[in-house]
Amino acid sequence: MPKSSDPTYYSLLGLHPSASVIDIRRAYRELSKRYHPDTTELPAAVATSKFQQINEAYATLSNPDRRLNYDLKIGYSRFGVIQAPPDLNRPVSYNYDYSKSAYLDASDRPLSSGEIFALFILGLTFVGCLLLAVTVAFIRGDSLFPQSIPPSTATIQQPILYLLQVFSSF
């Protein structure tokens, strides 16, 4: 165990032991810019010492095996947090019950921003095509709804002529 006066690698980087790899990398980059001997206003000896500590902390925490050993050394364990699913030892022929899942099926997921943008462009194209069709019809003089033929001219004896007259008005 490190002495209580010794800072842990996590505290050097300003992180909690459950920090992700991305958080560790982000903290290291920010601190290395701040404490690099060539870019800081601190005295060279202090900056070099701090920069070496940050590099050592990052070298340990960025390597999964070294991080696991270090976590055990300082007494932090992430194994208590992770629990095996209850159906871990199920038979292979067992069908998965998707009602337990947050999604309806395995392929159901939230849309990415690129997919949302593509759907927006498709919708915009569809609306543009509709507006273009209505504009062309208006310019040509076609009416949106054809005039209905009075029922007196369309008798039951002449249904075919009635249909021809209706469809010829389009």
N, C-alpha and C. Protein backbone atom coordinates (compact mmCIF):
# COMPACT_ATOMS: atom_id res chain seq x y z
N MET A 1 0.84 -1.18 0.00
CA MET A 1 0.00 0.00 0.00
C MET A 1 0.89 1.24 0.00
N PRO A 2 0.53 2.26 -0.81
CA PRO A 2 1.28 3.49 -0.73
C PRO A 2 0.99 4.20 0.57
N LYS A 3 1.94 4.98 0.99
CA LYS A 3 1.75 5.74 2.23
C LYS A 3 0.62 6.73 2.02
N SER A 4 -0.05 7.09 3.11
CA SER A 4 -1.18 7.99 3.00
C SER A 4 -0.74 9.38 2.55
N SER A 5 0.55 9.72 2.77
CA SER A 5 1.03 11.04 2.34
C SER A 5 1.38 11.05 0.86
N ASP A 6 1.63 9.87 0.30
CA ASP A 6 1.95 9.79 -1.13
C ASP A 6 0.68 9.93 -1.96
N PRO A 7 0.69 10.80 -2.94
CA PRO A 7 -0.51 10.89 -3.79
C PRO A 7 -0.59 9.68 -4.73
N THR A 8 -1.79 9.26 -5.00
CA THR A 8 -1.96 8.16 -5.95
C THR A 8 -1.86 8.71 -7.36
N TYR A 9 -1.69 7.81 -8.30
CA TYR A 9 -1.63 8.24 -9.70
C TYR A 9 -2.94 8.90 -10.12
N TYR A 10 -4.02 8.41 -9.56
CA TYR A 10 -5.32 9.01 -9.89
C TYR A 10 -5.41 10.44 -9.38
N SER A 11 -4.93 10.67 -8.14
CA SER A 11 -4.99 12.03 -7.61
C SER A 11 -4.02 12.96 -8.34
N LEU A 12 -2.90 12.42 -8.84
CA LEU A 12 -1.98 13.24 -9.63
C LEU A 12 -2.67 13.75 -10.90
N LEU A 13 -3.48 12.88 -11.49
CA LEU A 13 -4.20 13.27 -12.71
C LEU A 13 -5.55 13.91 -12.42
N GLY A 14 -5.94 13.95 -11.14
CA GLY A 14 -7.21 14.56 -10.77
C GLY A 14 -8.41 13.72 -11.14
N LEU A 15 -8.29 12.40 -11.01
CA LEU A 15 -9.34 11.49 -11.44
C LEU A 15 -9.75 10.55 -10.31
N HIS A 16 -10.90 9.94 -10.49
CA HIS A 16 -11.38 8.88 -9.60
C HIS A 16 -10.86 7.56 -10.15
N PRO A 17 -10.62 6.54 -9.31
CA PRO A 17 -10.13 5.25 -9.81
C PRO A 17 -11.04 4.57 -10.84
N SER A 18 -12.30 4.96 -10.91
CA SER A 18 -13.19 4.35 -11.91
C SER A 18 -13.17 5.10 -13.23
N ALA A 19 -12.23 6.03 -13.42
CA ALA A 19 -12.16 6.83 -14.64
C ALA A 19 -11.91 5.95 -15.86
N SER A 20 -12.47 6.35 -16.98
CA SER A 20 -12.29 5.59 -18.22
C SER A 20 -10.93 5.90 -18.83
N VAL A 21 -10.55 5.11 -19.82
CA VAL A 21 -9.29 5.31 -20.52
C VAL A 21 -9.28 6.67 -21.21
N ILE A 22 -10.41 7.07 -21.73
CA ILE A 22 -10.51 8.37 -22.41
C ILE A 22 -10.31 9.51 -21.40
N ASP A 23 -10.90 9.38 -20.21
CA ASP A 23 -10.72 10.41 -19.18
C ASP A 23 -9.26 10.50 -18.75
N ILE A 24 -8.60 9.36 -18.63
CA ILE A 24 -7.19 9.34 -18.24
C ILE A 24 -6.34 10.03 -19.30
N ARG A 25 -6.59 9.71 -20.55
CA ARG A 25 -5.83 10.32 -21.64
C ARG A 25 -6.06 11.83 -21.69
N ARG A 26 -7.32 12.25 -21.53
CA ARG A 26 -7.66 13.68 -21.56
C ARG A 26 -6.96 14.44 -20.43
N ALA A 27 -7.00 13.87 -19.22
CA ALA A 27 -6.36 14.52 -18.07
C ALA A 27 -4.85 14.59 -18.26
N TYR A 28 -4.27 13.51 -18.78
CA TYR A 28 -2.82 13.50 -19.02
C TYR A 28 -2.43 14.58 -20.03
N ARG A 29 -3.17 14.70 -21.10
CA ARG A 29 -2.83 15.71 -22.11
C ARG A 29 -2.91 17.13 -21.54
N GLU A 30 -3.95 17.40 -20.78
CA GLU A 30 -4.08 18.74 -20.20
C GLU A 30 -2.95 19.04 -19.23
N LEU A 31 -2.63 18.07 -18.35
CA LEU A 31 -1.58 18.30 -17.36
C LEU A 31 -0.20 18.33 -17.99
N SER A 32 0.01 17.52 -19.02
CA SER A 32 1.33 17.54 -19.65
C SER A 32 1.58 18.87 -20.37
N LYS A 33 0.53 19.47 -20.92
CA LYS A 33 0.68 20.80 -21.52
C LYS A 33 0.98 21.83 -20.44
N ARG A 34 0.31 21.70 -19.30
CA ARG A 34 0.47 22.68 -18.23
C ARG A 34 1.85 22.59 -17.57
N TYR A 35 2.36 21.36 -17.37
CA TYR A 35 3.60 21.19 -16.60
C TYR A 35 4.82 20.84 -17.45
N HIS A 36 4.72 20.87 -18.76
CA HIS A 36 5.89 20.57 -19.59
C HIS A 36 6.96 21.64 -19.31
N PRO A 37 8.22 21.22 -19.09
CA PRO A 37 9.27 22.18 -18.73
C PRO A 37 9.49 23.28 -19.78
N ASP A 38 9.18 23.01 -21.03
CA ASP A 38 9.39 24.01 -22.07
C ASP A 38 8.26 25.04 -22.15
N THR A 39 7.09 24.71 -21.62
CA THR A 39 5.94 25.61 -21.80
C THR A 39 5.42 26.23 -20.52
N THR A 40 5.94 25.83 -19.37
CA THR A 40 5.42 26.35 -18.11
C THR A 40 6.28 27.49 -17.58
N GLU A 41 5.71 28.27 -16.70
CA GLU A 41 6.44 29.37 -16.07
C GLU A 41 7.00 28.95 -14.71
N LEU A 42 6.76 27.71 -14.32
CA LEU A 42 7.30 27.19 -13.06
C LEU A 42 8.82 27.04 -13.18
N PRO A 43 9.52 26.98 -12.06
CA PRO A 43 10.96 26.71 -12.12
C PRO A 43 11.22 25.35 -12.79
N ALA A 44 12.30 25.23 -13.48
CA ALA A 44 12.60 24.02 -14.27
C ALA A 44 12.62 22.76 -13.42
N ALA A 45 13.17 22.83 -12.21
CA ALA A 45 13.25 21.64 -11.35
C ALA A 45 11.85 21.17 -10.93
N VAL A 46 10.98 22.11 -10.56
CA VAL A 46 9.61 21.77 -10.14
C VAL A 46 8.83 21.22 -11.33
N ALA A 47 8.95 21.88 -12.48
CA ALA A 47 8.21 21.45 -13.67
C ALA A 47 8.66 20.06 -14.11
N THR A 48 9.96 19.82 -14.10
CA THR A 48 10.49 18.52 -14.52
C THR A 48 10.01 17.42 -13.58
N SER A 49 10.05 17.69 -12.28
CA SER A 49 9.59 16.69 -11.30
C SER A 49 8.11 16.38 -11.49
N LYS A 50 7.29 17.40 -11.62
CA LYS A 50 5.85 17.22 -11.80
C LYS A 50 5.55 16.50 -13.12
N PHE A 51 6.26 16.88 -14.18
CA PHE A 51 6.04 16.27 -15.49
C PHE A 51 6.42 14.79 -15.45
N GLN A 52 7.48 14.43 -14.76
CA GLN A 52 7.88 13.02 -14.65
C GLN A 52 6.83 12.22 -13.87
N GLN A 53 6.28 12.82 -12.81
CA GLN A 53 5.23 12.14 -12.04
C GLN A 53 4.00 11.89 -12.91
N ILE A 54 3.64 12.89 -13.70
CA ILE A 54 2.46 12.74 -14.57
C ILE A 54 2.71 11.67 -15.62
N ASN A 55 3.92 11.64 -16.20
CA ASN A 55 4.25 10.62 -17.19
C ASN A 55 4.22 9.22 -16.59
N GLU A 56 4.74 9.08 -15.38
CA GLU A 56 4.74 7.78 -14.70
C GLU A 56 3.30 7.34 -14.41
N ALA A 57 2.49 8.27 -13.95
CA ALA A 57 1.08 7.94 -13.67
C ALA A 57 0.36 7.52 -14.95
N TYR A 58 0.58 8.24 -16.03
CA TYR A 58 -0.09 7.90 -17.29
C TYR A 58 0.41 6.56 -17.83
N ALA A 59 1.73 6.32 -17.73
CA ALA A 59 2.28 5.05 -18.23
C ALA A 59 1.66 3.87 -17.49
N THR A 60 1.42 4.03 -16.21
CA THR A 60 0.82 2.94 -15.43
C THR A 60 -0.67 2.79 -15.71
N LEU A 61 -1.39 3.91 -15.73
CA LEU A 61 -2.85 3.83 -15.86
C LEU A 61 -3.31 3.57 -17.29
N SER A 62 -2.48 3.83 -18.27
CA SER A 62 -2.89 3.59 -19.65
C SER A 62 -2.68 2.14 -20.08
N ASN A 63 -1.90 1.39 -19.32
CA ASN A 63 -1.67 -0.03 -19.59
C ASN A 63 -2.62 -0.85 -18.72
N PRO A 64 -3.52 -1.64 -19.32
CA PRO A 64 -4.54 -2.35 -18.52
C PRO A 64 -3.96 -3.27 -17.45
N ASP A 65 -2.88 -4.01 -17.79
CA ASP A 65 -2.31 -4.93 -16.79
C ASP A 65 -1.66 -4.16 -15.64
N ARG A 66 -0.90 -3.14 -15.98
CA ARG A 66 -0.25 -2.34 -14.94
C ARG A 66 -1.29 -1.61 -14.10
N ARG A 67 -2.38 -1.16 -14.74
CA ARG A 67 -3.43 -0.47 -13.99
C ARG A 67 -4.11 -1.42 -13.01
N LEU A 68 -4.38 -2.65 -13.45
CA LEU A 68 -5.00 -3.63 -12.56
C LEU A 68 -4.11 -3.91 -11.36
N ASN A 69 -2.80 -4.11 -11.60
CA ASN A 69 -1.88 -4.34 -10.49
C ASN A 69 -1.81 -3.14 -9.56
N TYR A 70 -1.81 -1.94 -10.14
CA TYR A 70 -1.75 -0.73 -9.32
C TYR A 70 -3.02 -0.57 -8.49
N ASP A 71 -4.17 -0.86 -9.10
CA ASP A 71 -5.44 -0.78 -8.37
C ASP A 71 -5.46 -1.74 -7.18
N LEU A 72 -4.94 -2.94 -7.39
CA LEU A 72 -4.86 -3.90 -6.28
C LEU A 72 -3.90 -3.40 -5.21
N LYS A 73 -2.81 -2.76 -5.63
CA LYS A 73 -1.81 -2.24 -4.70
C LYS A 73 -2.39 -1.13 -3.81
N ILE A 74 -3.23 -0.26 -4.40
CA ILE A 74 -3.80 0.82 -3.59
C ILE A 74 -5.11 0.42 -2.92
N GLY A 75 -5.58 -0.79 -3.20
CA GLY A 75 -6.77 -1.29 -2.52
C GLY A 75 -8.08 -0.96 -3.21
N TYR A 76 -8.02 -0.63 -4.49
CA TYR A 76 -9.26 -0.35 -5.23
C TYR A 76 -9.56 -1.56 -6.09
N SER A 77 -10.79 -2.02 -6.06
CA SER A 77 -11.20 -3.17 -6.86
C SER A 77 -12.48 -2.84 -7.58
N ARG A 78 -12.48 -3.05 -8.88
CA ARG A 78 -13.70 -2.83 -9.65
C ARG A 78 -14.49 -4.12 -9.82
N PHE A 79 -13.99 -5.21 -9.24
CA PHE A 79 -14.69 -6.48 -9.38
C PHE A 79 -15.98 -6.53 -8.56
N GLY A 80 -16.07 -5.78 -7.48
CA GLY A 80 -17.28 -5.76 -6.69
C GLY A 80 -18.41 -5.05 -7.40
N VAL A 81 -18.08 -4.19 -8.36
CA VAL A 81 -19.08 -3.42 -9.07
C VAL A 81 -19.70 -4.24 -10.20
N ILE A 82 -18.90 -5.06 -10.83
CA ILE A 82 -19.36 -5.83 -11.99
C ILE A 82 -19.99 -7.12 -11.50
N GLN A 83 -21.19 -7.40 -11.97
CA GLN A 83 -21.86 -8.63 -11.60
C GLN A 83 -22.20 -9.41 -12.86
N ALA A 84 -22.06 -10.70 -12.78
CA ALA A 84 -22.37 -11.54 -13.91
C ALA A 84 -23.88 -11.56 -14.14
N PRO A 85 -24.31 -11.61 -15.41
CA PRO A 85 -25.75 -11.69 -15.67
C PRO A 85 -26.31 -13.00 -15.12
N PRO A 86 -27.58 -13.02 -14.74
CA PRO A 86 -28.14 -14.22 -14.13
C PRO A 86 -28.22 -15.41 -15.07
N ASP A 87 -28.26 -15.17 -16.38
CA ASP A 87 -28.37 -16.27 -17.34
C ASP A 87 -27.03 -16.57 -18.00
N LEU A 88 -25.92 -16.40 -17.25
CA LEU A 88 -24.59 -16.59 -17.80
C LEU A 88 -24.35 -18.05 -18.22
N ASN A 89 -24.80 -18.98 -17.42
CA ASN A 89 -24.56 -20.39 -17.70
C ASN A 89 -25.76 -21.06 -18.36
N ARG A 90 -26.46 -20.34 -19.18
CA ARG A 90 -27.63 -20.89 -19.86
C ARG A 90 -27.19 -21.82 -20.99
N PRO A 91 -28.03 -22.75 -21.38
CA PRO A 91 -27.69 -23.62 -22.51
C PRO A 91 -27.62 -22.83 -23.81
N VAL A 92 -26.86 -23.32 -24.77
CA VAL A 92 -26.68 -22.63 -26.04
C VAL A 92 -27.99 -22.55 -26.82
N SER A 93 -28.83 -23.56 -26.70
CA SER A 93 -30.09 -23.58 -27.45
C SER A 93 -31.13 -22.62 -26.86
N TYR A 94 -30.83 -22.03 -25.72
CA TYR A 94 -31.76 -21.13 -25.05
C TYR A 94 -31.92 -19.85 -25.87
N ASN A 95 -33.17 -19.48 -26.17
CA ASN A 95 -33.43 -18.25 -26.90
C ASN A 95 -33.41 -17.08 -25.94
N TYR A 96 -32.79 -15.99 -26.36
CA TYR A 96 -32.68 -14.81 -25.51
C TYR A 96 -34.03 -14.12 -25.43
N ASP A 97 -34.41 -13.71 -24.23
CA ASP A 97 -35.66 -13.01 -24.02
C ASP A 97 -35.43 -11.51 -24.18
N TYR A 98 -35.84 -10.95 -25.31
CA TYR A 98 -35.60 -9.55 -25.61
C TYR A 98 -36.49 -8.62 -24.79
N SER A 99 -37.47 -9.15 -24.08
CA SER A 99 -38.31 -8.29 -23.25
C SER A 99 -37.53 -7.73 -22.07
N LYS A 100 -36.40 -8.36 -21.72
CA LYS A 100 -35.56 -7.86 -20.65
C LYS A 100 -34.67 -6.71 -21.11
N SER A 101 -34.56 -6.55 -22.41
CA SER A 101 -33.67 -5.54 -22.97
C SER A 101 -34.35 -4.17 -23.01
N ALA A 102 -33.53 -3.13 -23.04
CA ALA A 102 -34.05 -1.78 -23.15
C ALA A 102 -34.54 -1.51 -24.57
N TYR A 103 -34.04 -2.27 -25.54
CA TYR A 103 -34.44 -2.11 -26.93
C TYR A 103 -35.31 -3.28 -27.35
N LEU A 104 -36.07 -3.07 -28.41
CA LEU A 104 -36.97 -4.12 -28.86
C LEU A 104 -36.22 -5.30 -29.45
N ASP A 105 -35.18 -5.04 -30.20
CA ASP A 105 -34.34 -6.11 -30.70
C ASP A 105 -32.90 -5.64 -30.70
N ALA A 106 -31.98 -6.55 -31.06
CA ALA A 106 -30.56 -6.23 -30.94
C ALA A 106 -30.13 -5.13 -31.90
N SER A 107 -30.84 -4.95 -33.02
CA SER A 107 -30.44 -3.92 -33.98
C SER A 107 -31.08 -2.57 -33.69
N ASP A 108 -32.00 -2.52 -32.74
CA ASP A 108 -32.67 -1.26 -32.39
C ASP A 108 -31.74 -0.45 -31.51
N ARG A 109 -31.44 0.77 -31.95
CA ARG A 109 -30.55 1.65 -31.21
C ARG A 109 -30.88 3.08 -31.56
N PRO A 110 -30.41 4.03 -30.77
CA PRO A 110 -30.65 5.43 -31.11
C PRO A 110 -29.93 5.81 -32.40
N LEU A 111 -30.50 6.76 -33.14
CA LEU A 111 -29.88 7.20 -34.38
C LEU A 111 -28.71 8.12 -34.10
N SER A 112 -27.67 7.97 -34.92
CA SER A 112 -26.53 8.87 -34.78
C SER A 112 -26.86 10.21 -35.42
N SER A 113 -26.02 11.19 -35.18
CA SER A 113 -26.28 12.52 -35.75
C SER A 113 -26.19 12.49 -37.27
N GLY A 114 -25.32 11.66 -37.83
CA GLY A 114 -25.22 11.54 -39.28
C GLY A 114 -26.48 10.94 -39.89
N GLU A 115 -27.04 9.95 -39.20
CA GLU A 115 -28.27 9.33 -39.69
C GLU A 115 -29.44 10.30 -39.61
N ILE A 116 -29.49 11.07 -38.55
CA ILE A 116 -30.55 12.07 -38.43
C ILE A 116 -30.43 13.12 -39.53
N PHE A 117 -29.20 13.54 -39.82
CA PHE A 117 -28.97 14.51 -40.90
C PHE A 117 -29.41 13.92 -42.25
N ALA A 118 -29.09 12.65 -42.51
CA ALA A 118 -29.48 12.02 -43.77
C ALA A 118 -31.01 11.95 -43.88
N LEU A 119 -31.70 11.63 -42.78
CA LEU A 119 -33.16 11.61 -42.81
C LEU A 119 -33.73 13.01 -43.04
N PHE A 120 -33.11 14.01 -42.47
CA PHE A 120 -33.53 15.39 -42.68
C PHE A 120 -33.40 15.77 -44.16
N ILE A 121 -32.29 15.40 -44.78
CA ILE A 121 -32.07 15.70 -46.20
C ILE A 121 -33.10 14.95 -47.06
N LEU A 122 -33.40 13.70 -46.71
CA LEU A 122 -34.41 12.94 -47.46
C LEU A 122 -35.78 13.60 -47.35
N GLY A 123 -36.15 14.02 -46.14
CA GLY A 123 -37.43 14.69 -45.94
C GLY A 123 -37.49 16.01 -46.69
N LEU A 124 -36.40 16.76 -46.66
CA LEU A 124 -36.33 18.02 -47.38
C LEU A 124 -36.46 17.80 -48.88
N THR A 125 -35.84 16.75 -49.39
CA THR A 125 -35.95 16.42 -50.82
C THR A 125 -37.38 16.06 -51.18
N PHE A 126 -38.05 15.27 -50.33
CA PHE A 126 -39.43 14.88 -50.59
C PHE A 126 -40.34 16.10 -50.63
N VAL A 127 -40.21 17.00 -49.67
CA VAL A 127 -41.03 18.21 -49.64
C VAL A 127 -40.73 19.08 -50.85
N GLY A 128 -39.46 19.18 -51.24
CA GLY A 128 -39.09 19.94 -52.42
C GLY A 128 -39.71 19.38 -53.68
N CYS A 129 -39.73 18.06 -53.82
CA CYS A 129 -40.35 17.42 -54.99
C CYS A 129 -41.85 17.70 -55.04
N LEU A 130 -42.51 17.63 -53.88
CA LEU A 130 -43.94 17.92 -53.85
C LEU A 130 -44.21 19.37 -54.26
N LEU A 131 -43.44 20.30 -53.74
CA LEU A 131 -43.61 21.70 -54.11
C LEU A 131 -43.35 21.92 -55.59
N LEU A 132 -42.35 21.25 -56.14
CA LEU A 132 -42.05 21.37 -57.56
C LEU A 132 -43.20 20.84 -58.41
N ALA A 133 -43.78 19.70 -58.01
CA ALA A 133 -44.90 19.12 -58.76
C ALA A 133 -46.12 20.04 -58.73
N VAL A 134 -46.41 20.63 -57.57
CA VAL A 134 -47.56 21.53 -57.47
C VAL A 134 -47.30 22.80 -58.29
N THR A 135 -46.07 23.30 -58.27
CA THR A 135 -45.73 24.50 -59.05
C THR A 135 -45.86 24.25 -60.54
N VAL A 136 -45.36 23.11 -61.01
CA VAL A 136 -45.46 22.78 -62.45
C VAL A 136 -46.93 22.63 -62.85
N ALA A 137 -47.72 21.97 -62.01
CA ALA A 137 -49.14 21.81 -62.33
C ALA A 137 -49.85 23.16 -62.36
N PHE A 138 -49.50 24.04 -61.45
CA PHE A 138 -50.10 25.37 -61.42
C PHE A 138 -49.72 26.18 -62.66
N ILE A 139 -48.48 26.10 -63.07
CA ILE A 139 -48.02 26.83 -64.25
C ILE A 139 -48.68 26.31 -65.52
N ARG A 140 -48.85 25.01 -65.61
CA ARG A 140 -49.49 24.41 -66.79
C ARG A 140 -50.98 24.69 -66.82
N GLY A 141 -51.55 25.08 -65.71
CA GLY A 141 -52.98 25.39 -65.68
C GLY A 141 -53.84 24.20 -65.29
N ASP A 142 -53.25 23.12 -64.87
CA ASP A 142 -54.03 21.97 -64.42
C ASP A 142 -54.65 22.31 -63.07
N SER A 143 -55.86 21.87 -62.90
CA SER A 143 -56.49 22.11 -61.60
C SER A 143 -56.19 20.94 -60.67
N LEU A 144 -56.14 21.23 -59.41
CA LEU A 144 -55.83 20.20 -58.43
C LEU A 144 -56.95 19.17 -58.34
N PHE A 145 -58.20 19.64 -58.40
CA PHE A 145 -59.35 18.76 -58.39
C PHE A 145 -60.14 18.99 -59.66
N PRO A 146 -60.30 17.95 -60.48
CA PRO A 146 -61.05 18.15 -61.74
C PRO A 146 -62.52 18.45 -61.46
N GLN A 147 -63.10 19.19 -62.38
CA GLN A 147 -64.53 19.51 -62.27
C GLN A 147 -65.34 18.23 -62.41
N SER A 148 -66.29 18.05 -61.53
CA SER A 148 -67.11 16.84 -61.62
C SER A 148 -68.17 17.02 -62.71
N ILE A 149 -68.49 15.93 -63.31
CA ILE A 149 -69.49 15.94 -64.38
C ILE A 149 -70.86 15.82 -63.73
N PRO A 150 -71.78 16.64 -64.14
CA PRO A 150 -73.12 16.55 -63.53
C PRO A 150 -73.70 15.15 -63.68
N PRO A 151 -74.40 14.67 -62.67
CA PRO A 151 -74.94 13.30 -62.72
C PRO A 151 -76.00 13.11 -63.80
N SER A 152 -76.59 14.17 -64.30
CA SER A 152 -77.63 13.99 -65.32
C SER A 152 -77.05 13.45 -66.62
N THR A 153 -75.80 13.77 -66.94
CA THR A 153 -75.22 13.27 -68.19
C THR A 153 -74.68 11.87 -68.03
N ALA A 154 -74.41 11.47 -66.81
CA ALA A 154 -73.88 10.13 -66.60
C ALA A 154 -75.01 9.24 -66.11
N THR A 155 -75.48 8.42 -66.97
CA THR A 155 -76.57 7.52 -66.59
C THR A 155 -76.02 6.13 -66.38
N ILE A 156 -76.83 5.29 -65.84
CA ILE A 156 -76.41 3.92 -65.58
C ILE A 156 -76.14 3.19 -66.90
N GLN A 157 -76.80 3.58 -67.99
CA GLN A 157 -76.60 2.93 -69.27
C GLN A 157 -75.25 3.30 -69.88
N GLN A 158 -74.62 4.39 -69.43
CA GLN A 158 -73.39 4.84 -70.07
C GLN A 158 -72.23 4.93 -69.05
N PRO A 159 -71.94 3.88 -68.30
CA PRO A 159 -70.87 3.99 -67.28
C PRO A 159 -69.48 4.12 -67.89
N ILE A 160 -69.23 3.52 -69.01
CA ILE A 160 -67.90 3.58 -69.62
C ILE A 160 -67.63 4.99 -70.13
N LEU A 161 -68.61 5.62 -70.77
CA LEU A 161 -68.43 6.98 -71.24
C LEU A 161 -68.21 7.94 -70.09
N TYR A 162 -68.90 7.70 -69.00
CA TYR A 162 -68.74 8.55 -67.83
C TYR A 162 -67.30 8.45 -67.30
N LEU A 163 -66.77 7.23 -67.20
CA LEU A 163 -65.40 7.05 -66.71
C LEU A 163 -64.39 7.67 -67.67
N LEU A 164 -64.62 7.55 -68.97
CA LEU A 164 -63.71 8.16 -69.94
C LEU A 164 -63.71 9.68 -69.82
N GLN A 165 -64.86 10.26 -69.61
CA GLN A 165 -64.94 11.71 -69.46
C GLN A 165 -64.22 12.18 -68.18
N VAL A 166 -64.38 11.41 -67.11
CA VAL A 166 -63.73 11.79 -65.86
C VAL A 166 -62.20 11.70 -65.99
N PHE A 167 -61.70 10.59 -66.57
CA PHE A 167 -60.26 10.40 -66.65
C PHE A 167 -59.63 11.26 -67.74
N SER A 168 -60.38 11.68 -68.73
CA SER A 168 -59.81 12.55 -69.76
C SER A 168 -59.62 13.97 -69.25
N SER A 169 -60.29 14.33 -68.14
CA SER A 169 -60.13 15.68 -67.62
C SER A 169 -58.83 15.83 -66.83
N PHE A 170 -58.13 14.74 -66.53
CA PHE A 170 -56.84 14.83 -65.83
C PHE A 170 -55.85 15.33 -66.77
